[in-house]
C-alpha atoms as a PDB file:
ATOM      1  CA  UNK A   1       0.037   0.223  -0.113  1.00  0.00           C
ATOM      2  CA  UNK A   2       1.493   3.289  -1.045  1.00  0.00           C
ATOM      3  CA  UNK A   3      -1.251   5.799   0.888  1.00  0.00           C
ATOM      4  CA  UNK A   4      -0.822   9.532   1.165  1.00  0.00           C
ATOM      5  CA  UNK A   5      -2.349   9.042   4.145  1.00  0.00           C
ATOM      6  CA  UNK A   6      -2.145   5.874   6.912  1.00  0.00           C
ATOM      7  CA  UNK A   7      -5.200   4.794   8.447  1.00  0.00           C
ATOM      8  CA  UNK A   8      -3.914   5.340  12.114  1.00  0.00           C
ATOM      9  CA  UNK A   9      -3.601   9.065  11.415  1.00  0.00           C
ATOM     10  CA  UNK A  10      -6.871   9.062  10.283  1.00  0.00           C
ATOM     11  CA  UNK A  11      -8.163   7.310  13.570  1.00  0.00           C
ATOM     12  CA  UNK A  12      -5.781   9.649  15.649  1.00  0.00           C
ATOM     13  CA  UNK A  13      -7.389  12.599  14.280  1.00  0.00           C
ATOM     14  CA  UNK A  14     -10.308  13.031  16.287  1.00  0.00           C
ATOM     15  CA  UNK A  15     -12.322  10.713  18.877  1.00  0.00           C
ATOM     16  CA  UNK A  16     -15.396  11.068  16.837  1.00  0.00           C
ATOM     17  CA  UNK A  17     -15.530  11.171  13.324  1.00  0.00           C
ATOM     18  CA  UNK A  18     -19.132  12.558  12.325  1.00  0.00           C
ATOM     19  CA  UNK A  19     -21.137  11.134   9.956  1.00  0.00           C
ATOM     20  CA  UNK A  20     -22.170  13.942   7.531  1.00  0.00           C
ATOM     21  CA  UNK A  21     -25.372  13.768   5.178  1.00  0.00           C
ATOM     22  CA  UNK A  22     -25.126  16.901   3.069  1.00  0.00           C
ATOM     23  CA  UNK A  23     -28.324  17.641   1.562  1.00  0.00           C
ATOM     24  CA  UNK A  24     -27.784  21.402   0.468  1.00  0.00           C
ATOM     25  CA  UNK A  25     -24.388  22.378  -0.638  1.00  0.00           C
ATOM     26  CA  UNK A  26     -24.861  25.770   0.965  1.00  0.00           C
ATOM     27  CA  UNK A  27     -24.968  23.647   4.185  1.00  0.00           C
ATOM     28  CA  UNK A  28     -21.259  21.813   3.995  1.00  0.00           C
ATOM     29  CA  UNK A  29     -19.013  24.603   5.187  1.00  0.00           C
ATOM     30  CA  UNK A  30     -21.151  25.880   7.530  1.00  0.00           C
ATOM     31  CA  UNK A  31     -21.542  22.316   9.115  1.00  0.00           C
ATOM     32  CA  UNK A  32     -17.721  21.405   8.956  1.00  0.00           C
ATOM     33  CA  UNK A  33     -17.153  24.969  10.198  1.00  0.00           C
ATOM     34  CA  UNK A  34     -19.699  24.509  13.023  1.00  0.00           C
ATOM     35  CA  UNK A  35     -18.020  21.092  13.597  1.00  0.00           C
ATOM     36  CA  UNK A  36     -14.138  22.275  13.989  1.00  0.00           C
ATOM     37  CA  UNK A  37     -15.331  25.038  15.605  1.00  0.00           C
ATOM     38  CA  UNK A  38     -16.728  22.019  18.452  1.00  0.00           C
ATOM     39  CA  UNK A  39     -13.065  20.529  18.106  1.00  0.00           C
ATOM     40  CA  UNK A  40     -13.937  17.711  15.419  1.00  0.00           C
ATOM     41  CA  UNK A  41     -11.647  18.224  12.119  1.00  0.00           C
ATOM     42  CA  UNK A  42     -12.585  14.899  10.723  1.00  0.00           C
ATOM     43  CA  UNK A  43     -15.404  14.530   8.574  1.00  0.00           C
ATOM     44  CA  UNK A  44     -16.923  11.837   6.668  1.00  0.00           C
ATOM     45  CA  UNK A  45     -19.463  12.869   3.837  1.00  0.00           C
ATOM     46  CA  UNK A  46     -21.572  10.192   2.752  1.00  0.00           C
ATOM     47  CA  UNK A  47     -22.357   9.462  -1.112  1.00  0.00           C
ATOM     48  CA  UNK A  48     -25.655   9.311  -0.413  1.00  0.00           C
ATOM     49  CA  UNK A  49     -26.802  12.948  -1.839  1.00  0.00           C
ATOM     50  CA  UNK A  50     -26.564  14.212  -5.298  1.00  0.00           C
ATOM     51  CA  UNK A  51     -24.046  17.188  -3.500  1.00  0.00           C
ATOM     52  CA  UNK A  52     -22.258  15.014  -1.790  1.00  0.00           C
ATOM     53  CA  UNK A  53     -18.614  14.704  -4.178  1.00  0.00           C
ATOM     54  CA  UNK A  54     -19.199  18.892  -4.556  1.00  0.00           C
ATOM     55  CA  UNK A  55     -19.335  19.087  -0.605  1.00  0.00           C
ATOM     56  CA  UNK A  56     -16.056  17.139  -0.129  1.00  0.00           C
ATOM     57  CA  UNK A  57     -14.282  19.328  -2.824  1.00  0.00           C
ATOM     58  CA  UNK A  58     -15.723  22.639  -1.242  1.00  0.00           C
ATOM     59  CA  UNK A  59     -14.815  21.438   2.315  1.00  0.00           C
ATOM     60  CA  UNK A  60     -11.441  20.667   1.137  1.00  0.00           C
ATOM     61  CA  UNK A  61     -10.329  23.449  -0.436  1.00  0.00           C
ATOM     62  CA  UNK A  62     -11.934  25.939   1.975  1.00  0.00           C
ATOM     63  CA  UNK A  63     -10.374  23.614   5.106  1.00  0.00           C
ATOM     64  CA  UNK A  64      -7.303  22.633   3.690  1.00  0.00           C
ATOM     65  CA  UNK A  65      -6.193  21.244   7.169  1.00  0.00           C
ATOM     66  CA  UNK A  66      -9.392  19.284   7.916  1.00  0.00           C
ATOM     67  CA  UNK A  67      -9.286  15.223   7.094  1.00  0.00           C
ATOM     68  CA  UNK A  68     -12.149  15.169   4.884  1.00  0.00           C
ATOM     69  CA  UNK A  69     -13.257  11.546   3.401  1.00  0.00           C
ATOM     70  CA  UNK A  70     -15.990  10.115   1.230  1.00  0.00           C
ATOM     71  CA  UNK A  71     -18.640   7.545   3.126  1.00  0.00           C
ATOM     72  CA  UNK A  72     -20.288   5.236   1.955  1.00  0.00           C
ATOM     73  CA  UNK A  73     -18.694   4.261  -0.794  1.00  0.00           C
ATOM     74  CA  UNK A  74     -20.123   0.953  -2.588  1.00  0.00           C
ATOM     75  CA  UNK A  75     -17.104   0.582  -5.213  1.00  0.00           C
ATOM     76  CA  UNK A  76     -14.361   0.970  -7.280  1.00  0.00           C
ATOM     77  CA  UNK A  77     -15.650   3.634  -8.980  1.00  0.00           C
ATOM     78  CA  UNK A  78     -17.086   5.508  -6.311  1.00  0.00           C
ATOM     79  CA  UNK A  79     -13.632   5.275  -5.035  1.00  0.00           C
ATOM     80  CA  UNK A  80     -12.250   6.748  -7.812  1.00  0.00           C
ATOM     81  CA  UNK A  81     -14.285   9.681  -7.946  1.00  0.00           C
ATOM     82  CA  UNK A  82     -14.326   9.845  -4.016  1.00  0.00           C
ATOM     83  CA  UNK A  83     -10.670  10.677  -4.401  1.00  0.00           C
ATOM     84  CA  UNK A  84     -10.681  13.041  -7.803  1.00  0.00           C
ATOM     85  CA  UNK A  85     -13.431  15.108  -5.812  1.00  0.00           C
ATOM     86  CA  UNK A  86     -10.746  15.501  -2.890  1.00  0.00           C
ATOM     87  CA  UNK A  87     -11.571  13.302  -0.123  1.00  0.00           C
ATOM     88  CA  UNK A  88      -8.493  11.798   1.502  1.00  0.00           C
ATOM     89  CA  UNK A  89      -9.725   8.775   3.295  1.00  0.00           C
ATOM     90  CA  UNK A  90     -12.645   6.215   2.041  1.00  0.00           C
ATOM     91  CA  UNK A  91     -15.083   4.421   3.955  1.00  0.00           C
ATOM     92  CA  UNK A  92     -17.251   1.731   3.151  1.00  0.00           C
ATOM     93  CA  UNK A  93     -20.171   0.161   5.152  1.00  0.00           C
ATOM     94  CA  UNK A  94     -19.053  -3.122   3.320  1.00  0.00           C
ATOM     95  CA  UNK A  95     -16.536  -4.753   1.225  1.00  0.00           C
ATOM     96  CA  UNK A  96     -15.562  -7.067  -1.454  1.00  0.00           C
ATOM     97  CA  UNK A  97     -12.109  -8.178  -2.447  1.00  0.00           C
ATOM     98  CA  UNK A  98     -12.423  -6.071  -5.989  1.00  0.00           C
ATOM     99  CA  UNK A  99     -12.747  -3.039  -3.533  1.00  0.00           C
ATOM    100  CA  UNK A 100     -10.501  -4.302  -1.482  1.00  0.00           C
ATOM    101  CA  UNK A 101      -7.910  -4.477  -3.981  1.00  0.00           C
ATOM    102  CA  UNK A 102      -8.633  -1.437  -5.631  1.00  0.00           C
ATOM    103  CA  UNK A 103      -8.515   0.470  -2.688  1.00  0.00           C
ATOM    104  CA  UNK A 104      -4.838  -1.091  -1.636  1.00  0.00           C
ATOM    105  CA  UNK A 105      -3.579   0.560  -4.978  1.00  0.00           C
ATOM    106  CA  UNK A 106      -5.004   3.178  -4.798  1.00  0.00           C
ATOM    107  CA  UNK A 107      -3.657   6.898  -3.358  1.00  0.00           C
ATOM    108  CA  UNK A 108      -5.621   7.229   0.275  1.00  0.00           C
ATOM    109  CA  UNK A 109      -6.908   4.815   2.534  1.00  0.00           C
ATOM    110  CA  UNK A 110      -9.777   2.407   2.784  1.00  0.00           C
ATOM    111  CA  UNK A 111     -11.507   1.679   6.033  1.00  0.00           C
ATOM    112  CA  UNK A 112     -14.132  -1.212   5.187  1.00  0.00           C
ATOM    113  CA  UNK A 113     -16.850  -1.988   7.093  1.00  0.00           C
ATOM    114  CA  UNK A 114     -16.607  -5.773   9.104  1.00  0.00           C
ATOM    115  CA  UNK A 115     -19.192  -7.233  11.560  1.00  0.00           C
ATOM    116  CA  UNK A 116     -17.688 -10.562  11.621  1.00  0.00           C
ATOM    117  CA  UNK A 117     -14.624 -12.553  12.510  1.00  0.00           C
ATOM    118  CA  UNK A 118     -14.656 -13.721   8.836  1.00  0.00           C
ATOM    119  CA  UNK A 119     -14.948 -10.252   7.307  1.00  0.00           C
ATOM    120  CA  UNK A 120     -11.832  -9.368   9.622  1.00  0.00           C
ATOM    121  CA  UNK A 121      -9.999 -12.099   8.573  1.00  0.00           C
ATOM    122  CA  UNK A 122     -10.811 -11.272   4.642  1.00  0.00           C
ATOM    123  CA  UNK A 123     -10.031  -7.975   5.703  1.00  0.00           C
ATOM    124  CA  UNK A 124      -6.445  -8.560   7.123  1.00  0.00           C
ATOM    125  CA  UNK A 125      -5.733 -11.179   4.138  1.00  0.00           C
ATOM    126  CA  UNK A 126      -5.696  -7.834   2.042  1.00  0.00           C
ATOM    127  CA  UNK A 127      -3.409  -5.767   4.679  1.00  0.00           C
ATOM    128  CA  UNK A 128      -6.167  -3.797   6.309  1.00  0.00           C
ATOM    129  CA  UNK A 129      -5.906  -3.510   9.953  1.00  0.00           C
ATOM    130  CA  UNK A 130      -7.808  -0.342  10.545  1.00  0.00           C
ATOM    131  CA  UNK A 131     -11.684  -1.035  10.122  1.00  0.00           C
ATOM    132  CA  UNK A 132     -15.137  -0.065  10.450  1.00  0.00           C
ATOM    133  CA  UNK A 133     -17.336  -2.135  12.374  1.00  0.00           C
ATOM    134  CA  UNK A 134     -21.226  -1.136  11.217  1.00  0.00           C
ATOM    135  CA  UNK A 135     -23.908  -1.651  11.982  1.00  0.00           C
ATOM    136  CA  UNK A 136     -22.343  -1.696  15.501  1.00  0.00           C
ATOM    137  CA  UNK A 137     -25.724  -1.810  17.886  1.00  0.00           C
ATOM    138  CA  UNK A 138     -27.638  -3.993  15.079  1.00  0.00           C
ATOM    139  CA  UNK A 139     -24.541  -6.512  15.654  1.00  0.00           C
ATOM    140  CA  UNK A 140     -24.580  -6.546  19.260  1.00  0.00           C
ATOM    141  CA  UNK A 141     -23.165  -3.568  20.201  1.00  0.00           C
ATOM    142  CA  UNK A 142     -19.800  -2.890  22.139  1.00  0.00           C
ATOM    143  CA  UNK A 143     -20.098  -6.326  23.684  1.00  0.00           C
ATOM    144  CA  UNK A 144     -20.206  -8.067  20.629  1.00  0.00           C
ATOM    145  CA  UNK A 145     -17.325  -6.386  19.805  1.00  0.00           C
ATOM    146  CA  UNK A 146     -15.149  -6.783  22.549  1.00  0.00           C
ATOM    147  CA  UNK A 147     -15.764 -10.716  21.783  1.00  0.00           C
ATOM    148  CA  UNK A 148     -15.259 -10.300  18.524  1.00  0.00           C
ATOM    149  CA  UNK A 149     -11.930  -8.391  18.479  1.00  0.00           C
ATOM    150  CA  UNK A 150     -10.535 -10.684  21.631  1.00  0.00           C
ATOM    151  CA  UNK A 151      -8.636 -12.712  19.029  1.00  0.00           C
ATOM    152  CA  UNK A 152      -7.440 -10.271  17.224  1.00  0.00           C
ATOM    153  CA  UNK A 153      -5.829  -7.847  19.588  1.00  0.00           C
ATOM    154  CA  UNK A 154      -3.604  -5.560  16.538  1.00  0.00           C
ATOM    155  CA  UNK A 155      -6.707  -4.527  15.062  1.00  0.00           C
ATOM    156  CA  UNK A 156      -8.503  -1.239  15.334  1.00  0.00           C
ATOM    157  CA  UNK A 157     -11.946  -0.545  14.890  1.00  0.00           C
ATOM    158  CA  UNK A 158     -14.589   2.633  14.413  1.00  0.00           C
ATOM    159  CA  UNK A 159     -17.649   1.332  15.574  1.00  0.00           C
ATOM    160  CA  UNK A 160     -20.790   3.057  13.934  1.00  0.00           C
ATOM    161  CA  UNK A 161     -24.332   2.693  13.340  1.00  0.00           C
ATOM    162  CA  UNK A 162     -26.494   3.245  16.548  1.00  0.00           C
ATOM    163  CA  UNK A 163     -24.326   5.339  18.771  1.00  0.00           C
ATOM    164  CA  UNK A 164     -25.570   8.185  20.567  1.00  0.00           C
ATOM    165  CA  UNK A 165     -24.620   9.831  24.096  1.00  0.00           C
ATOM    166  CA  UNK A 166     -26.291   7.168  26.410  1.00  0.00           C
ATOM    167  CA  UNK A 167     -23.827   4.323  25.286  1.00  0.00           C
ATOM    168  CA  UNK A 168     -20.817   5.584  23.477  1.00  0.00           C
ATOM    169  CA  UNK A 169     -18.722   5.160  27.005  1.00  0.00           C
ATOM    170  CA  UNK A 170     -19.302   1.465  26.329  1.00  0.00           C
ATOM    171  CA  UNK A 171     -17.419   1.965  23.005  1.00  0.00           C
ATOM    172  CA  UNK A 172     -14.685   4.177  24.545  1.00  0.00           C
ATOM    173  CA  UNK A 173     -13.651   1.967  26.944  1.00  0.00           C
ATOM    174  CA  UNK A 174     -12.790  -0.892  24.808  1.00  0.00           C
ATOM    175  CA  UNK A 175      -8.976  -1.286  24.040  1.00  0.00           C
ATOM    176  CA  UNK A 176      -9.794  -1.975  20.070  1.00  0.00           C
ATOM    177  CA  UNK A 177     -12.082   1.288  19.751  1.00  0.00           C
ATOM    178  CA  UNK A 178      -9.280   3.917  18.365  1.00  0.00           C
ATOM    179  CA  UNK A 179     -12.454   6.272  17.380  1.00  0.00           C
ATOM    180  CA  UNK A 180     -16.025   6.167  17.049  1.00  0.00           C
ATOM    181  CA  UNK A 181     -18.443   7.119  14.029  1.00  0.00           C
ATOM    182  CA  UNK A 182     -21.786   8.640  14.704  1.00  0.00           C
ATOM    183  CA  UNK A 183     -24.307  11.373  13.564  1.00  0.00           C
ATOM    184  CA  UNK A 184     -25.880  12.386  16.688  1.00  0.00           C
ATOM    185  CA  UNK A 185     -24.135  15.550  16.937  1.00  0.00           C
ATOM    186  CA  UNK A 186     -25.984  16.502  13.784  1.00  0.00           C
ATOM    187  CA  UNK A 187     -29.482  16.470  13.957  1.00  0.00           C
ATOM    188  CA  UNK A 188     -31.460  17.587  10.475  1.00  0.00           C
ATOM    189  CA  UNK A 189     -33.536  19.688  12.202  1.00  0.00           C
ATOM    190  CA  UNK A 190     -31.127  21.898  13.613  1.00  0.00           C
ATOM    191  CA  UNK A 191     -29.010  21.212  10.205  1.00  0.00           C
ATOM    192  CA  UNK A 192     -32.180  22.441   8.204  1.00  0.00           C
ATOM    193  CA  UNK A 193     -32.508  25.742  10.672  1.00  0.00           C
ATOM    194  CA  UNK A 194     -28.956  26.469  10.155  1.00  0.00           C
ATOM    195  CA  UNK A 195     -28.299  26.574  14.028  1.00  0.00           C
ATOM    196  CA  UNK A 196     -24.596  26.268  13.855  1.00  0.00           C
ATOM    197  CA  UNK A 197     -23.673  27.104  17.340  1.00  0.00           C
ATOM    198  CA  UNK A 198     -25.865  24.208  18.450  1.00  0.00           C
ATOM    199  CA  UNK A 199     -23.958  21.872  16.429  1.00  0.00           C
ATOM    200  CA  UNK A 200     -20.675  23.503  17.793  1.00  0.00           C
ATOM    201  CA  UNK A 201     -21.873  22.403  21.383  1.00  0.00           C
ATOM    202  CA  UNK A 202     -22.926  19.055  19.836  1.00  0.00           C
ATOM    203  CA  UNK A 203     -19.491  18.528  18.524  1.00  0.00           C
ATOM    204  CA  UNK A 204     -17.731  19.712  21.892  1.00  0.00           C
ATOM    205  CA  UNK A 205     -19.831  17.655  24.427  1.00  0.00           C
ATOM    206  CA  UNK A 206     -19.048  14.387  21.972  1.00  0.00           C
ATOM    207  CA  UNK A 207     -15.808  14.711  22.359  1.00  0.00           C
ATOM    208  CA  UNK A 208     -15.949  15.309  26.101  1.00  0.00           C
ATOM    209  CA  UNK A 209     -18.108  11.907  26.266  1.00  0.00           C
ATOM    210  CA  UNK A 210     -15.437   9.830  24.395  1.00  0.00           C
ATOM    211  CA  UNK A 211     -13.242  10.659  27.042  1.00  0.00           C
ATOM    212  CA  UNK A 212     -15.483   9.257  29.882  1.00  0.00           C
ATOM    213  CA  UNK A 213     -15.223   5.159  31.061  1.00  0.00           C
ATOM    214  CA  UNK A 214     -18.145   2.925  31.787  1.00  0.00           C
END
């Protein structure tokens, strides 16, 4: 792998990776600036909306010191278009051998999604040690991740899916967890009303929550 950035650097850059769904391009930079004001500088922009790639480009250009990545990447074509848009890392909800091989030879790191020991073993076969545990809560939560990770002490995870202020500390207490993915600091109603100050507050609160132990 000859990536411009190592996955451990992505995980280490923030204890929380906000999952950003940008419905309107005009919201992209204010949303990112609000998160940054709250102490978060790593952004996962999901490729679920028509303006997602434009949002990646806009935030990357406006905030060169931020780590802007693409999420919900499903195939090699999306990996390539995300990189072309300026993404510095790519996250997928799952993985295929084709995507793993393609990204292995690409310019930016892929964080593939896994939820079973067999999937983790496949990722390891391809050289991936930094993975997304998804969907975390639906697959048994922190207890399940702890059990799955026990025989794999060299693997680091970013659990995502169903994580919120009530359960985040259960995940951060696990040695295998390097960062947390979530969207609770980005309520859809707050984005619609443009209350960016409240999002900054939630981002600051989210970082504080990751430092708590069960």
